[in-house]
């Protein structure tokens, strides 16, 4: 469904968390790491170790982005 309407990813809890922050008057910057493809995009479900490896591989790039971004937000 998401692909049909132009979506690329779906998060598990980001929207409810942002809604609560908005109700509390908290500004939010959402950043996510995509750890695996959706079940309908692969023949077999994701293995936990593969998801962990994908996230670990992305952490270096995410750290670099945050190191550039945080001073701009301060």
PDB file of N, CA and C in Angstrom:
ATOM      1  N   UNK A   1       0.821  -1.190   0.000  1.00  0.00           N
ATOM      2  CA  UNK A   1       0.000   0.000   0.000  1.00  0.00           C
ATOM      3  C   UNK A   1       0.866   1.255   0.000  1.00  0.00           C
ATOM      4  N   UNK A   2       1.898   1.257   0.870  1.00  0.00           N
ATOM      5  CA  UNK A   2       2.753   2.442   0.931  1.00  0.00           C
ATOM      6  C   UNK A   2       3.416   2.715  -0.409  1.00  0.00           C
ATOM      7  N   UNK A   3       3.864   1.663  -1.086  1.00  0.00           N
ATOM      8  CA  UNK A   3       4.518   1.842  -2.377  1.00  0.00           C
ATOM      9  C   UNK A   3       3.548   2.423  -3.410  1.00  0.00           C
ATOM     10  N   UNK A   4       2.291   1.995  -3.350  1.00  0.00           N
ATOM     11  CA  UNK A   4       1.293   2.508  -4.289  1.00  0.00           C
ATOM     12  C   UNK A   4       1.051   4.005  -4.127  1.00  0.00           C
ATOM     13  N   UNK A   5       1.190   4.521  -2.913  1.00  0.00           N
ATOM     14  CA  UNK A   5       0.955   5.947  -2.678  1.00  0.00           C
ATOM     15  C   UNK A   5       2.249   6.754  -2.658  1.00  0.00           C
ATOM     16  N   UNK A   6       3.364   6.107  -3.045  1.00  0.00           N
ATOM     17  CA  UNK A   6       4.626   6.826  -3.171  1.00  0.00           C
ATOM     18  C   UNK A   6       5.552   6.721  -1.979  1.00  0.00           C
ATOM     19  N   UNK A   7       5.202   5.891  -0.990  1.00  0.00           N
ATOM     20  CA  UNK A   7       6.061   5.734   0.181  1.00  0.00           C
ATOM     21  C   UNK A   7       7.264   4.864  -0.109  1.00  0.00           C
ATOM     22  N   UNK A   8       8.342   5.131   0.596  1.00  0.00           N
ATOM     23  CA  UNK A   8       9.555   4.339   0.459  1.00  0.00           C
ATOM     24  C   UNK A   8       9.783   3.434   1.670  1.00  0.00           C
ATOM     25  N   UNK A   9       9.376   3.886   2.840  1.00  0.00           N
ATOM     26  CA  UNK A   9       9.584   3.115   4.065  1.00  0.00           C
ATOM     27  C   UNK A   9       8.395   3.312   5.007  1.00  0.00           C
ATOM     28  N   UNK A  10       8.286   2.419   5.965  1.00  0.00           N
ATOM     29  CA  UNK A  10       7.278   2.542   7.014  1.00  0.00           C
ATOM     30  C   UNK A  10       7.958   2.283   8.344  1.00  0.00           C
ATOM     31  N   UNK A  11       7.735   3.170   9.297  1.00  0.00           N
ATOM     32  CA  UNK A  11       8.309   3.008  10.625  1.00  0.00           C
ATOM     33  C   UNK A  11       7.352   2.280  11.546  1.00  0.00           C
ATOM     34  N   UNK A  12       7.903   1.733  12.606  1.00  0.00           N
ATOM     35  CA  UNK A  12       7.073   0.986  13.534  1.00  0.00           C
ATOM     36  C   UNK A  12       6.476   1.858  14.630  1.00  0.00           C
ATOM     37  N   UNK A  13       7.187   2.890  15.051  1.00  0.00           N
ATOM     38  CA  UNK A  13       6.662   3.669  16.174  1.00  0.00           C
ATOM     39  C   UNK A  13       6.899   5.167  16.044  1.00  0.00           C
ATOM     40  N   UNK A  14       7.479   5.619  14.994  1.00  0.00           N
ATOM     41  CA  UNK A  14       7.843   7.028  14.885  1.00  0.00           C
ATOM     42  C   UNK A  14       6.634   7.954  14.968  1.00  0.00           C
ATOM     43  N   UNK A  15       5.576   7.651  14.254  1.00  0.00           N
ATOM     44  CA  UNK A  15       4.419   8.548  14.221  1.00  0.00           C
ATOM     45  C   UNK A  15       3.779   8.701  15.597  1.00  0.00           C
ATOM     46  N   UNK A  16       3.471   7.616  16.324  1.00  0.00           N
ATOM     47  CA  UNK A  16       2.885   7.817  17.652  1.00  0.00           C
ATOM     48  C   UNK A  16       3.797   8.605  18.592  1.00  0.00           C
ATOM     49  N   UNK A  17       5.094   8.382  18.515  1.00  0.00           N
ATOM     50  CA  UNK A  17       6.024   9.118  19.376  1.00  0.00           C
ATOM     51  C   UNK A  17       6.020  10.607  19.040  1.00  0.00           C
ATOM     52  N   UNK A  18       5.996  10.950  17.767  1.00  0.00           N
ATOM     53  CA  UNK A  18       5.972  12.353  17.363  1.00  0.00           C
ATOM     54  C   UNK A  18       4.645  12.998  17.759  1.00  0.00           C
ATOM     55  N   UNK A  19       3.563  12.259  17.668  1.00  0.00           N
ATOM     56  CA  UNK A  19       2.266  12.798  18.078  1.00  0.00           C
ATOM     57  C   UNK A  19       2.260  13.160  19.562  1.00  0.00           C
ATOM     58  N   UNK A  20       2.844  12.307  20.390  1.00  0.00           N
ATOM     59  CA  UNK A  20       2.917  12.593  21.824  1.00  0.00           C
ATOM     60  C   UNK A  20       3.795  13.817  22.069  1.00  0.00           C
ATOM     61  N   UNK A  21       4.924  13.902  21.379  1.00  0.00           N
ATOM     62  CA  UNK A  21       5.799  15.070  21.531  1.00  0.00           C
ATOM     63  C   UNK A  21       5.061  16.347  21.132  1.00  0.00           C
ATOM     64  N   UNK A  22       4.316  16.305  20.050  1.00  0.00           N
ATOM     65  CA  UNK A  22       3.572  17.482  19.599  1.00  0.00           C
ATOM     66  C   UNK A  22       2.544  17.895  20.655  1.00  0.00           C
ATOM     67  N   UNK A  23       1.877  16.930  21.255  1.00  0.00           N
ATOM     68  CA  UNK A  23       0.895  17.242  22.298  1.00  0.00           C
ATOM     69  C   UNK A  23       1.567  17.883  23.516  1.00  0.00           C
ATOM     70  N   UNK A  24       2.817  17.535  23.750  1.00  0.00           N
ATOM     71  CA  UNK A  24       3.564  18.080  24.890  1.00  0.00           C
ATOM     72  C   UNK A  24       4.318  19.357  24.532  1.00  0.00           C
ATOM     73  N   UNK A  25       4.218  19.807  23.286  1.00  0.00           N
ATOM     74  CA  UNK A  25       4.899  21.017  22.859  1.00  0.00           C
ATOM     75  C   UNK A  25       6.390  20.837  22.628  1.00  0.00           C
ATOM     76  N   UNK A  26       6.806  19.625  22.365  1.00  0.00           N
ATOM     77  CA  UNK A  26       8.227  19.323  22.155  1.00  0.00           C
ATOM     78  C   UNK A  26       8.524  19.326  20.657  1.00  0.00           C
ATOM     79  N   UNK A  27       9.551  20.062  20.241  1.00  0.00           N
ATOM     80  CA  UNK A  27       9.996  20.029  18.849  1.00  0.00           C
ATOM     81  C   UNK A  27      10.679  18.699  18.571  1.00  0.00           C
ATOM     82  N   UNK A  28      10.490  18.189  17.365  1.00  0.00           N
ATOM     83  CA  UNK A  28      11.012  16.868  17.021  1.00  0.00           C
ATOM     84  C   UNK A  28      11.774  16.927  15.709  1.00  0.00           C
ATOM     85  N   UNK A  29      12.904  16.257  15.676  1.00  0.00           N
ATOM     86  CA  UNK A  29      13.630  15.997  14.441  1.00  0.00           C
ATOM     87  C   UNK A  29      13.724  14.482  14.335  1.00  0.00           C
ATOM     88  N   UNK A  30      13.091  13.922  13.340  1.00  0.00           N
ATOM     89  CA  UNK A  30      13.087  12.465  13.189  1.00  0.00           C
ATOM     90  C   UNK A  30      14.192  11.990  12.271  1.00  0.00           C
ATOM     91  N   UNK A  31      14.987  11.059  12.761  1.00  0.00           N
ATOM     92  CA  UNK A  31      16.042  10.429  11.968  1.00  0.00           C
ATOM     93  C   UNK A  31      15.932   8.935  12.204  1.00  0.00           C
ATOM     94  N   UNK A  32      15.910   8.172  11.139  1.00  0.00           N
ATOM     95  CA  UNK A  32      15.761   6.723  11.274  1.00  0.00           C
ATOM     96  C   UNK A  32      16.823   5.995  10.476  1.00  0.00           C
ATOM     97  N   UNK A  33      17.118   4.804  10.933  1.00  0.00           N
ATOM     98  CA  UNK A  33      17.953   3.870  10.184  1.00  0.00           C
ATOM     99  C   UNK A  33      17.041   2.743   9.737  1.00  0.00           C
ATOM    100  N   UNK A  34      17.089   2.425   8.460  1.00  0.00           N
ATOM    101  CA  UNK A  34      16.281   1.323   7.940  1.00  0.00           C
ATOM    102  C   UNK A  34      17.116   0.052   8.048  1.00  0.00           C
ATOM    103  N   UNK A  35      16.620  -0.884   8.845  1.00  0.00           N
ATOM    104  CA  UNK A  35      17.393  -2.090   9.130  1.00  0.00           C
ATOM    105  C   UNK A  35      17.088  -3.270   8.235  1.00  0.00           C
ATOM    106  N   UNK A  36      15.918  -3.264   7.587  1.00  0.00           N
ATOM    107  CA  UNK A  36      15.572  -4.386   6.719  1.00  0.00           C
ATOM    108  C   UNK A  36      14.438  -3.995   5.776  1.00  0.00           C
ATOM    109  N   UNK A  37      14.302  -4.773   4.709  1.00  0.00           N
ATOM    110  CA  UNK A  37      13.222  -4.561   3.752  1.00  0.00           C
ATOM    111  C   UNK A  37      11.944  -5.196   4.303  1.00  0.00           C
ATOM    112  N   UNK A  38      10.803  -4.690   3.857  1.00  0.00           N
ATOM    113  CA  UNK A  38       9.527  -5.246   4.268  1.00  0.00           C
ATOM    114  C   UNK A  38       9.370  -6.687   3.811  1.00  0.00           C
ATOM    115  N   UNK A  39       8.553  -7.418   4.543  1.00  0.00           N
ATOM    116  CA  UNK A  39       8.392  -8.835   4.253  1.00  0.00           C
ATOM    117  C   UNK A  39       7.888  -9.116   2.853  1.00  0.00           C
ATOM    118  N   UNK A  40       7.098  -8.215   2.278  1.00  0.00           N
ATOM    119  CA  UNK A  40       6.597  -8.456   0.929  1.00  0.00           C
ATOM    120  C   UNK A  40       7.642  -8.135  -0.149  1.00  0.00           C
ATOM    121  N   UNK A  41       8.801  -7.635   0.239  1.00  0.00           N
ATOM    122  CA  UNK A  41       9.852  -7.291  -0.725  1.00  0.00           C
ATOM    123  C   UNK A  41      10.973  -8.326  -0.778  1.00  0.00           C
ATOM    124  N   UNK A  42      10.926  -9.309   0.106  1.00  0.00           N
ATOM    125  CA  UNK A  42      11.961 -10.343   0.147  1.00  0.00           C
ATOM    126  C   UNK A  42      11.305 -11.713   0.203  1.00  0.00           C
ATOM    127  N   UNK A  43      12.059 -12.739  -0.191  1.00  0.00           N
ATOM    128  CA  UNK A  43      11.504 -14.099  -0.189  1.00  0.00           C
ATOM    129  C   UNK A  43      11.456 -14.690   1.213  1.00  0.00           C
ATOM    130  N   UNK A  44      12.404 -14.333   2.048  1.00  0.00           N
ATOM    131  CA  UNK A  44      12.450 -14.835   3.411  1.00  0.00           C
ATOM    132  C   UNK A  44      12.468 -13.656   4.374  1.00  0.00           C
ATOM    133  N   UNK A  45      11.904 -13.840   5.551  1.00  0.00           N
ATOM    134  CA  UNK A  45      11.895 -12.786   6.556  1.00  0.00           C
ATOM    135  C   UNK A  45      13.303 -12.417   6.992  1.00  0.00           C
ATOM    136  N   UNK A  46      13.474 -11.238   7.557  1.00  0.00           N
ATOM    137  CA  UNK A  46      14.807 -10.800   7.976  1.00  0.00           C
ATOM    138  C   UNK A  46      15.302 -11.591   9.182  1.00  0.00           C
ATOM    139  N   UNK A  47      16.566 -11.908   9.181  1.00  0.00           N
ATOM    140  CA  UNK A  47      17.209 -12.536  10.332  1.00  0.00           C
ATOM    141  C   UNK A  47      17.665 -11.427  11.269  1.00  0.00           C
ATOM    142  N   UNK A  48      17.516 -11.641  12.554  1.00  0.00           N
ATOM    143  CA  UNK A  48      17.854 -10.619  13.542  1.00  0.00           C
ATOM    144  C   UNK A  48      19.297 -10.144  13.391  1.00  0.00           C
ATOM    145  N   UNK A  49      20.220 -11.061  13.189  1.00  0.00           N
ATOM    146  CA  UNK A  49      21.638 -10.685  13.046  1.00  0.00           C
ATOM    147  C   UNK A  49      21.873  -9.831  11.805  1.00  0.00           C
ATOM    148  N   UNK A  50      21.126 -10.082  10.738  1.00  0.00           N
ATOM    149  CA  UNK A  50      21.254  -9.258   9.530  1.00  0.00           C
ATOM    150  C   UNK A  50      20.775  -7.834   9.792  1.00  0.00           C
ATOM    151  N   UNK A  51      19.675  -7.702  10.530  1.00  0.00           N
ATOM    152  CA  UNK A  51      19.164  -6.372  10.864  1.00  0.00           C
ATOM    153  C   UNK A  51      20.188  -5.629  11.714  1.00  0.00           C
ATOM    154  N   UNK A  52      20.736  -6.298  12.711  1.00  0.00           N
ATOM    155  CA  UNK A  52      21.749  -5.664  13.561  1.00  0.00           C
ATOM    156  C   UNK A  52      22.965  -5.229  12.752  1.00  0.00           C
ATOM    157  N   UNK A  53      23.396  -6.076  11.807  1.00  0.00           N
ATOM    158  CA  UNK A  53      24.550  -5.745  10.969  1.00  0.00           C
ATOM    159  C   UNK A  53      24.248  -4.530  10.088  1.00  0.00           C
ATOM    160  N   UNK A  54      23.043  -4.466   9.514  1.00  0.00           N
ATOM    161  CA  UNK A  54      22.666  -3.322   8.678  1.00  0.00           C
ATOM    162  C   UNK A  54      22.674  -2.031   9.480  1.00  0.00           C
ATOM    163  N   UNK A  55      22.141  -2.081  10.685  1.00  0.00           N
ATOM    164  CA  UNK A  55      22.119  -0.891  11.536  1.00  0.00           C
ATOM    165  C   UNK A  55      23.536  -0.491  11.922  1.00  0.00           C
ATOM    166  N   UNK A  56      24.358  -1.455  12.290  1.00  0.00           N
ATOM    167  CA  UNK A  56      25.748  -1.153  12.660  1.00  0.00           C
ATOM    168  C   UNK A  56      26.492  -0.509  11.495  1.00  0.00           C
ATOM    169  N   UNK A  57      26.250  -0.995  10.283  1.00  0.00           N
ATOM    170  CA  UNK A  57      26.903  -0.425   9.099  1.00  0.00           C
ATOM    171  C   UNK A  57      26.473   1.020   8.849  1.00  0.00           C
ATOM    172  N   UNK A  58      25.254   1.368   9.221  1.00  0.00           N
ATOM    173  CA  UNK A  58      24.745   2.717   8.988  1.00  0.00           C
ATOM    174  C   UNK A  58      25.174   3.704  10.069  1.00  0.00           C
ATOM    175  N   UNK A  59      25.592   3.225  11.211  1.00  0.00           N
ATOM    176  CA  UNK A  59      25.896   4.115  12.328  1.00  0.00           C
ATOM    177  C   UNK A  59      27.013   5.109  12.030  1.00  0.00           C
ATOM    178  N   UNK A  60      28.019   4.708  11.282  1.00  0.00           N
ATOM    179  CA  UNK A  60      29.118   5.618  10.939  1.00  0.00           C
ATOM    180  C   UNK A  60      28.621   6.804  10.131  1.00  0.00           C
ATOM    181  N   UNK A  61      27.783   6.536   9.139  1.00  0.00           N
ATOM    182  CA  UNK A  61      27.232   7.621   8.316  1.00  0.00           C
ATOM    183  C   UNK A  61      26.294   8.498   9.128  1.00  0.00           C
ATOM    184  N   UNK A  62      25.488   7.864   9.985  1.00  0.00           N
ATOM    185  CA  UNK A  62      24.575   8.642  10.821  1.00  0.00           C
ATOM    186  C   UNK A  62      25.353   9.532  11.779  1.00  0.00           C
ATOM    187  N   UNK A  63      26.409   9.018  12.353  1.00  0.00           N
ATOM    188  CA  UNK A  63      27.242   9.815  13.255  1.00  0.00           C
ATOM    189  C   UNK A  63      27.814  11.031  12.538  1.00  0.00           C
ATOM    190  N   UNK A  64      28.279  10.842  11.319  1.00  0.00           N
ATOM    191  CA  UNK A  64      28.842  11.957  10.547  1.00  0.00           C
ATOM    192  C   UNK A  64      27.782  13.021  10.285  1.00  0.00           C
ATOM    193  N   UNK A  65      26.581  12.599   9.939  1.00  0.00           N
ATOM    194  CA  UNK A  65      25.491  13.551   9.692  1.00  0.00           C
ATOM    195  C   UNK A  65      25.164  14.316  10.973  1.00  0.00           C
ATOM    196  N   UNK A  66      25.064  13.610  12.086  1.00  0.00           N
ATOM    197  CA  UNK A  66      24.718  14.260  13.351  1.00  0.00           C
ATOM    198  C   UNK A  66      25.803  15.230  13.801  1.00  0.00           C
ATOM    199  N   UNK A  67      27.066  14.880  13.587  1.00  0.00           N
ATOM    200  CA  UNK A  67      28.154  15.786  13.962  1.00  0.00           C
ATOM    201  C   UNK A  67      28.090  17.099  13.182  1.00  0.00           C
ATOM    202  N   UNK A  68      27.615  17.057  11.951  1.00  0.00           N
ATOM    203  CA  UNK A  68      27.443  18.273  11.148  1.00  0.00           C
ATOM    204  C   UNK A  68      26.165  19.007  11.534  1.00  0.00           C
ATOM    205  N   UNK A  69      25.129  18.259  11.842  1.00  0.00           N
ATOM    206  CA  UNK A  69      23.814  18.836  12.068  1.00  0.00           C
ATOM    207  C   UNK A  69      23.644  19.491  13.440  1.00  0.00           C
ATOM    208  N   UNK A  70      24.140  18.869  14.475  1.00  0.00           N
ATOM    209  CA  UNK A  70      23.914  19.348  15.832  1.00  0.00           C
ATOM    210  C   UNK A  70      24.404  20.774  16.050  1.00  0.00           C
ATOM    211  N   UNK A  71      25.601  21.135  15.606  1.00  0.00           N
ATOM    212  CA  UNK A  71      26.008  22.529  15.777  1.00  0.00           C
ATOM    213  C   UNK A  71      25.086  23.523  15.069  1.00  0.00           C
ATOM    214  N   UNK A  72      24.502  23.124  13.967  1.00  0.00           N
ATOM    215  CA  UNK A  72      23.583  23.997  13.231  1.00  0.00           C
ATOM    216  C   UNK A  72      22.290  24.217  14.003  1.00  0.00           C
ATOM    217  N   UNK A  73      21.878  23.238  14.780  1.00  0.00           N
ATOM    218  CA  UNK A  73      20.633  23.335  15.535  1.00  0.00           C
ATOM    219  C   UNK A  73      20.783  24.110  16.834  1.00  0.00           C
ATOM    220  N   UNK A  74      22.011  24.175  17.339  1.00  0.00           N
ATOM    221  CA  UNK A  74      22.245  24.808  18.653  1.00  0.00           C
ATOM    222  C   UNK A  74      22.091  26.312  18.597  1.00  0.00           C
TER     223      UNK A  74
END
